[in-house]
C-alpha atoms as a PDB file:
ATOM      1  CA  MET A   1      68.342 124.631 107.040  1.00  0.00           C
ATOM      2  CA  GLN A   2      69.249 120.924 107.276  1.00  0.00           C
ATOM      3  CA  LYS A   3      72.368 121.356 105.103  1.00  0.00           C
ATOM      4  CA  ASP A   4      73.762 123.909 107.563  1.00  0.00           C
ATOM      5  CA  ARG A   5      73.059 121.596 110.518  1.00  0.00           C
ATOM      6  CA  LEU A   6      74.939 118.770 108.835  1.00  0.00           C
ATOM      7  CA  ALA A   7      77.942 120.986 108.109  1.00  0.00           C
ATOM      8  CA  GLU A   8      77.927 122.229 111.709  1.00  0.00           C
ATOM      9  CA  ALA A   9      77.759 118.675 113.048  1.00  0.00           C
ATOM     10  CA  VAL A  10      80.744 117.721 110.873  1.00  0.00           C
ATOM     11  CA  ARG A  11      82.674 120.819 112.011  1.00  0.00           C
ATOM     12  CA  ARG A  12      81.936 120.108 115.656  1.00  0.00           C
ATOM     13  CA  SER A  13      83.023 116.478 115.316  1.00  0.00           C
ATOM     14  CA  ILE A  14      86.259 117.479 113.585  1.00  0.00           C
ATOM     15  CA  VAL A  15      87.109 120.045 116.275  1.00  0.00           C
ATOM     16  CA  GLU A  16      86.065 117.968 119.295  1.00  0.00           C
ATOM     17  CA  ASN A  17      87.986 114.909 118.123  1.00  0.00           C
ATOM     18  CA  LYS A  18      90.956 116.897 116.775  1.00  0.00           C
ATOM     19  CA  LEU A  19      90.626 115.097 113.446  1.00  0.00           C
ATOM     20  CA  VAL A  20      92.176 117.968 111.508  1.00  0.00           C
ATOM     21  CA  LEU A  21      94.400 120.724 112.802  1.00  0.00           C
ATOM     22  CA  PRO A  22      94.530 124.271 111.426  1.00  0.00           C
ATOM     23  CA  GLU A  23      96.708 124.747 108.346  1.00  0.00           C
ATOM     24  CA  GLU A  24      96.582 121.055 107.432  1.00  0.00           C
ATOM     25  CA  THR A  25      95.656 119.718 104.015  1.00  0.00           C
ATOM     26  CA  VAL A  26      92.729 117.319 103.943  1.00  0.00           C
ATOM     27  CA  VAL A  27      92.794 114.914 101.011  1.00  0.00           C
ATOM     28  CA  VAL A  28      89.264 113.845 100.119  1.00  0.00           C
ATOM     29  CA  GLY A  29      88.800 110.709  98.041  1.00  0.00           C
ATOM     30  CA  VAL A  30      85.960 111.554  95.656  1.00  0.00           C
ATOM     31  CA  SER A  31      84.425 108.820  93.534  1.00  0.00           C
ATOM     32  CA  GLY A  32      81.792 111.074  92.036  1.00  0.00           C
ATOM     33  CA  GLY A  33      79.023 109.407  94.030  1.00  0.00           C
ATOM     34  CA  ALA A  34      76.642 111.244  96.330  1.00  0.00           C
ATOM     35  CA  ASP A  35      78.431 110.424  99.611  1.00  0.00           C
ATOM     36  CA  SER A  36      81.900 111.576  98.629  1.00  0.00           C
ATOM     37  CA  VAL A  37      80.588 114.646  96.789  1.00  0.00           C
ATOM     38  CA  CYS A  38      78.578 115.599  99.890  1.00  0.00           C
ATOM     39  CA  LEU A  39      81.670 115.219 102.078  1.00  0.00           C
ATOM     40  CA  LEU A  40      83.711 117.330  99.665  1.00  0.00           C
ATOM     41  CA  ARG A  41      81.118 120.095  99.573  1.00  0.00           C
ATOM     42  CA  ILE A  42      80.878 120.167 103.372  1.00  0.00           C
ATOM     43  CA  LEU A  43      84.647 120.332 103.833  1.00  0.00           C
ATOM     44  CA  VAL A  44      84.923 123.082 101.221  1.00  0.00           C
ATOM     45  CA  SER A  45      82.218 125.043 103.048  1.00  0.00           C
ATOM     46  CA  LEU A  46      84.182 124.657 106.303  1.00  0.00           C
ATOM     47  CA  ARG A  47      87.693 125.278 105.003  1.00  0.00           C
ATOM     48  CA  GLU A  48      87.907 128.893 106.176  1.00  0.00           C
ATOM     49  CA  ARG A  49      86.413 128.214 109.607  1.00  0.00           C
ATOM     50  CA  LEU A  50      88.723 125.224 110.107  1.00  0.00           C
ATOM     51  CA  ASP A  51      91.695 126.949 108.415  1.00  0.00           C
ATOM     52  CA  ILE A  52      92.357 123.928 106.191  1.00  0.00           C
ATOM     53  CA  THR A  53      93.231 123.279 102.596  1.00  0.00           C
ATOM     54  CA  VAL A  54      91.084 120.739 100.758  1.00  0.00           C
ATOM     55  CA  HIS A  55      92.561 118.566  98.008  1.00  0.00           C
ATOM     56  CA  VAL A  56      90.560 116.100  95.890  1.00  0.00           C
ATOM     57  CA  ALA A  57      91.898 112.658  94.961  1.00  0.00           C
ATOM     58  CA  HIS A  58      90.150 110.503  92.370  1.00  0.00           C
ATOM     59  CA  LEU A  59      91.295 107.173  90.957  1.00  0.00           C
ATOM     60  CA  ASN A  60      89.689 105.816  87.812  1.00  0.00           C
ATOM     61  CA  HIS A  61      90.019 102.047  88.294  1.00  0.00           C
ATOM     62  CA  LEU A  62      89.360 101.467  84.559  1.00  0.00           C
ATOM     63  CA  LEU A  63      86.644  98.949  85.356  1.00  0.00           C
ATOM     64  CA  ARG A  64      83.580 100.598  83.826  1.00  0.00           C
ATOM     65  CA  GLY A  65      84.861 102.075  80.558  1.00  0.00           C
ATOM     66  CA  ALA A  66      83.231 105.320  79.483  1.00  0.00           C
ATOM     67  CA  GLU A  67      81.271 105.541  82.743  1.00  0.00           C
ATOM     68  CA  SER A  68      84.525 105.584  84.757  1.00  0.00           C
ATOM     69  CA  GLU A  69      85.966 108.208  82.450  1.00  0.00           C
ATOM     70  CA  GLY A  70      82.824 110.291  82.928  1.00  0.00           C
ATOM     71  CA  ASP A  71      83.218 110.076  86.712  1.00  0.00           C
ATOM     72  CA  ALA A  72      86.797 111.321  86.428  1.00  0.00           C
ATOM     73  CA  ARG A  73      85.730 114.260  84.238  1.00  0.00           C
ATOM     74  CA  TYR A  74      82.888 115.114  86.629  1.00  0.00           C
ATOM     75  CA  VAL A  75      85.180 115.076  89.678  1.00  0.00           C
ATOM     76  CA  SER A  76      87.758 117.200  87.869  1.00  0.00           C
ATOM     77  CA  ARG A  77      85.155 119.793  86.855  1.00  0.00           C
ATOM     78  CA  LEU A  78      83.632 119.811  90.344  1.00  0.00           C
ATOM     79  CA  ALA A  79      87.008 120.409  91.992  1.00  0.00           C
ATOM     80  CA  LYS A  80      87.694 123.287  89.618  1.00  0.00           C
ATOM     81  CA  LYS A  81      84.238 124.769  90.261  1.00  0.00           C
ATOM     82  CA  LEU A  82      84.810 124.550  94.037  1.00  0.00           C
ATOM     83  CA  GLY A  83      88.279 126.084  93.745  1.00  0.00           C
ATOM     84  CA  VAL A  84      90.252 123.110  95.059  1.00  0.00           C
ATOM     85  CA  LEU A  85      93.225 121.306  93.597  1.00  0.00           C
ATOM     86  CA  ALA A  86      92.679 117.765  92.404  1.00  0.00           C
ATOM     87  CA  THR A  87      94.785 114.739  91.627  1.00  0.00           C
ATOM     88  CA  ILE A  88      92.991 112.614  89.045  1.00  0.00           C
ATOM     89  CA  GLU A  89      94.677 109.385  87.955  1.00  0.00           C
ATOM     90  CA  ALA A  90      93.798 106.153  86.204  1.00  0.00           C
ATOM     91  CA  ARG A  91      95.118 102.685  87.061  1.00  0.00           C
ATOM     92  CA  ASP A  92      94.032  99.292  85.855  1.00  0.00           C
ATOM     93  CA  VAL A  93      93.314  97.531  89.134  1.00  0.00           C
ATOM     94  CA  ARG A  94      92.249  94.206  87.614  1.00  0.00           C
ATOM     95  CA  PRO A  95      95.628  92.478  88.059  1.00  0.00           C
ATOM     96  CA  THR A  96      95.842  93.605  91.690  1.00  0.00           C
ATOM     97  CA  ARG A  97      92.233  92.686  92.341  1.00  0.00           C
ATOM     98  CA  GLN A  98      92.814  89.182  90.969  1.00  0.00           C
ATOM     99  CA  ARG A  99      95.987  88.670  93.048  1.00  0.00           C
ATOM    100  CA  THR A 100      94.392  89.802  96.285  1.00  0.00           C
ATOM    101  CA  ALA A 101      90.907  88.352  95.887  1.00  0.00           C
ATOM    102  CA  CYS A 102      89.702  86.580  98.992  1.00  0.00           C
ATOM    103  CA  ARG A 103      88.003  83.258  98.687  1.00  0.00           C
ATOM    104  CA  TRP A 104      85.177  83.396 101.161  1.00  0.00           C
ATOM    105  CA  LYS A 105      83.770  80.197 102.484  1.00  0.00           C
ATOM    106  CA  THR A 106      80.049  79.925 102.675  1.00  0.00           C
ATOM    107  CA  PRO A 107      79.076  80.488 106.318  1.00  0.00           C
ATOM    108  CA  PRO A 108      77.392  77.584 108.047  1.00  0.00           C
ATOM    109  CA  ALA A 109      73.604  77.578 107.961  1.00  0.00           C
ATOM    110  CA  ARG A 110      71.919  78.741 111.143  1.00  0.00           C
END
């Protein structure tokens, strides 16, 4: 099954590159999107073989109203369903985003 091959490739990469050591806690940033949910599910499926603890972190940036709140609820429910602890917080990032915004110059035409 392709799902099993992906999980095995992730496990092999983690072990070969010593990305995570046994008994460590891996904090997974989960937005609620497909990529981060896939990563979470793979790490949860590997936690016993890797001897790791998985912890979910989700930050609601308060930029998309009810949709952002829905993402936070989804991530919280998913973490509970998968049996992992989660830290779910909300922060208004608009002031920080405005202070740190880069002003990109238009690149020269080629």
